[in-house]
């Protein structure tokens, strides 16, 4: 299975740098909001990774 992500903005919109603090905050908010901790992909089958990814897209959509 293949996934395609389409970005519809300008190049300048795509260039963003995040500090480690910002990344940690996003991770904490995600885990708190969804009660899901990012699983280690080495412990997951391809089907489990696909279900996790699909669930993530549905909750963000």
N, C-alpha and C. Protein backbone atom coordinates (compact mmCIF):
# COMPACT_ATOMS: atom_id res chain seq x y z
N UNK A 1 0.84 -1.17 0.00
CA UNK A 1 0.00 0.00 0.00
C UNK A 1 0.89 1.23 0.00
N UNK A 2 0.46 2.25 -0.72
CA UNK A 2 1.22 3.49 -0.81
C UNK A 2 0.35 4.65 -0.36
N UNK A 3 0.98 5.64 0.22
CA UNK A 3 0.27 6.83 0.68
C UNK A 3 0.85 8.04 -0.02
N UNK A 4 0.00 8.99 -0.34
CA UNK A 4 0.44 10.23 -0.96
C UNK A 4 -0.09 11.38 -0.12
N UNK A 5 0.78 12.31 0.21
CA UNK A 5 0.38 13.52 0.93
C UNK A 5 0.57 14.68 -0.03
N UNK A 6 -0.47 15.48 -0.18
CA UNK A 6 -0.44 16.60 -1.11
C UNK A 6 -0.34 17.89 -0.31
N UNK A 7 0.70 18.66 -0.54
CA UNK A 7 0.87 19.96 0.11
C UNK A 7 0.48 21.03 -0.88
N UNK A 8 -0.42 21.91 -0.47
CA UNK A 8 -0.98 22.89 -1.38
C UNK A 8 -0.51 24.32 -1.08
N UNK A 9 0.51 24.45 -0.25
CA UNK A 9 0.99 25.78 0.12
C UNK A 9 2.21 26.19 -0.67
N UNK A 10 2.75 27.33 -0.29
CA UNK A 10 3.97 27.84 -0.92
C UNK A 10 5.19 27.20 -0.27
N UNK A 11 6.29 27.24 -0.95
CA UNK A 11 7.54 26.66 -0.44
C UNK A 11 7.87 27.23 0.93
N UNK A 12 7.68 28.53 1.08
CA UNK A 12 8.00 29.19 2.35
C UNK A 12 7.16 28.65 3.51
N UNK A 13 5.94 28.20 3.20
CA UNK A 13 5.07 27.62 4.22
C UNK A 13 5.57 26.28 4.72
N UNK A 14 6.34 25.61 3.91
CA UNK A 14 6.81 24.27 4.25
C UNK A 14 8.09 24.29 5.08
N UNK A 15 8.77 25.41 5.09
CA UNK A 15 10.04 25.50 5.82
C UNK A 15 9.76 25.98 7.24
N UNK A 16 9.81 25.07 8.16
CA UNK A 16 9.56 25.38 9.56
C UNK A 16 10.54 24.60 10.40
N UNK A 17 11.11 25.25 11.36
CA UNK A 17 12.00 24.58 12.30
C UNK A 17 11.33 24.57 13.66
N UNK A 18 11.38 23.44 14.32
CA UNK A 18 10.81 23.30 15.65
C UNK A 18 11.92 23.00 16.64
N UNK A 19 11.83 23.62 17.80
CA UNK A 19 12.78 23.32 18.86
C UNK A 19 12.41 21.98 19.48
N UNK A 20 13.31 21.39 20.23
CA UNK A 20 13.02 20.13 20.90
C UNK A 20 11.89 20.32 21.90
N UNK A 21 11.84 21.49 22.54
CA UNK A 21 10.75 21.77 23.48
C UNK A 21 9.40 21.76 22.78
N UNK A 22 9.32 22.36 21.59
CA UNK A 22 8.07 22.37 20.83
C UNK A 22 7.68 20.94 20.43
N UNK A 23 8.64 20.16 19.97
CA UNK A 23 8.35 18.78 19.58
C UNK A 23 7.86 17.97 20.78
N UNK A 24 8.50 18.16 21.93
CA UNK A 24 8.07 17.46 23.14
C UNK A 24 6.66 17.86 23.54
N UNK A 25 6.34 19.15 23.40
CA UNK A 25 5.00 19.63 23.74
C UNK A 25 3.95 19.01 22.82
N UNK A 26 4.23 18.96 21.52
CA UNK A 26 3.30 18.34 20.57
C UNK A 26 3.10 16.87 20.90
N UNK A 27 4.18 16.19 21.23
CA UNK A 27 4.09 14.77 21.58
C UNK A 27 3.23 14.58 22.82
N UNK A 28 3.47 15.39 23.83
CA UNK A 28 2.70 15.29 25.08
C UNK A 28 1.22 15.57 24.84
N UNK A 29 0.92 16.61 24.05
CA UNK A 29 -0.47 16.95 23.75
C UNK A 29 -1.16 15.83 22.99
N UNK A 30 -0.45 15.25 22.03
CA UNK A 30 -1.02 14.15 21.24
C UNK A 30 -1.33 12.96 22.14
N UNK A 31 -0.36 12.60 22.97
CA UNK A 31 -0.55 11.43 23.83
C UNK A 31 -1.66 11.67 24.84
N UNK A 32 -1.76 12.88 25.36
CA UNK A 32 -2.81 13.21 26.32
C UNK A 32 -4.17 13.23 25.65
N UNK A 33 -4.25 13.86 24.48
CA UNK A 33 -5.54 14.00 23.80
C UNK A 33 -6.09 12.67 23.32
N UNK A 34 -5.26 11.86 22.74
CA UNK A 34 -5.74 10.62 22.13
C UNK A 34 -5.50 9.39 22.99
N UNK A 35 -4.75 9.54 24.06
CA UNK A 35 -4.48 8.38 24.91
C UNK A 35 -3.73 7.29 24.19
N UNK A 36 -2.99 7.69 23.17
CA UNK A 36 -2.24 6.73 22.37
C UNK A 36 -0.78 7.08 22.46
N UNK A 37 0.01 6.12 22.78
CA UNK A 37 1.45 6.32 22.76
C UNK A 37 1.98 5.72 21.49
N UNK A 38 2.80 6.48 20.82
CA UNK A 38 3.35 6.02 19.54
C UNK A 38 4.05 4.69 19.76
N UNK A 39 3.56 3.67 19.13
CA UNK A 39 4.18 2.36 19.30
C UNK A 39 5.50 2.28 18.54
N UNK A 40 6.32 1.40 18.98
CA UNK A 40 7.56 1.13 18.27
C UNK A 40 7.21 0.34 17.02
N UNK A 41 7.59 0.84 15.87
CA UNK A 41 7.24 0.15 14.63
C UNK A 41 7.90 -1.21 14.53
N UNK A 42 8.97 -1.42 15.26
CA UNK A 42 9.62 -2.74 15.20
C UNK A 42 8.78 -3.80 15.89
N UNK A 43 7.83 -3.37 16.74
CA UNK A 43 6.96 -4.31 17.45
C UNK A 43 5.63 -4.50 16.76
N UNK A 44 5.44 -3.88 15.58
CA UNK A 44 4.15 -3.90 14.91
C UNK A 44 4.25 -4.54 13.54
N UNK A 45 3.16 -5.21 13.17
CA UNK A 45 3.08 -5.73 11.81
C UNK A 45 2.72 -4.59 10.86
N UNK A 46 2.84 -4.83 9.57
CA UNK A 46 2.46 -3.82 8.60
C UNK A 46 0.99 -3.44 8.73
N UNK A 47 0.13 -4.41 9.01
CA UNK A 47 -1.29 -4.15 9.18
C UNK A 47 -1.55 -3.26 10.39
N UNK A 48 -0.84 -3.51 11.48
CA UNK A 48 -1.00 -2.70 12.68
C UNK A 48 -0.52 -1.27 12.45
N UNK A 49 0.56 -1.11 11.73
CA UNK A 49 1.06 0.22 11.40
C UNK A 49 0.04 0.95 10.53
N UNK A 50 -0.54 0.26 9.57
CA UNK A 50 -1.54 0.87 8.70
C UNK A 50 -2.78 1.30 9.49
N UNK A 51 -3.24 0.45 10.41
CA UNK A 51 -4.41 0.81 11.23
C UNK A 51 -4.10 2.02 12.11
N UNK A 52 -2.91 2.04 12.70
CA UNK A 52 -2.49 3.16 13.53
C UNK A 52 -2.47 4.45 12.71
N UNK A 53 -1.90 4.40 11.52
CA UNK A 53 -1.80 5.56 10.64
C UNK A 53 -3.19 6.03 10.21
N UNK A 54 -4.06 5.10 9.85
CA UNK A 54 -5.42 5.46 9.45
C UNK A 54 -6.18 6.12 10.58
N UNK A 55 -6.04 5.58 11.78
CA UNK A 55 -6.72 6.16 12.94
C UNK A 55 -6.21 7.57 13.20
N UNK A 56 -4.92 7.75 13.06
CA UNK A 56 -4.33 9.07 13.25
C UNK A 56 -4.91 10.06 12.24
N UNK A 57 -4.97 9.69 10.97
CA UNK A 57 -5.51 10.59 9.95
C UNK A 57 -6.99 10.92 10.20
N UNK A 58 -7.75 9.94 10.63
CA UNK A 58 -9.18 10.18 10.89
C UNK A 58 -9.38 11.14 12.06
N UNK A 59 -8.56 11.03 13.09
CA UNK A 59 -8.73 11.91 14.25
C UNK A 59 -8.26 13.33 13.94
N UNK A 60 -7.34 13.48 13.00
CA UNK A 60 -6.86 14.82 12.64
C UNK A 60 -7.72 15.46 11.57
N UNK A 61 -8.51 14.66 10.87
CA UNK A 61 -9.31 15.16 9.75
C UNK A 61 -10.51 15.86 10.19
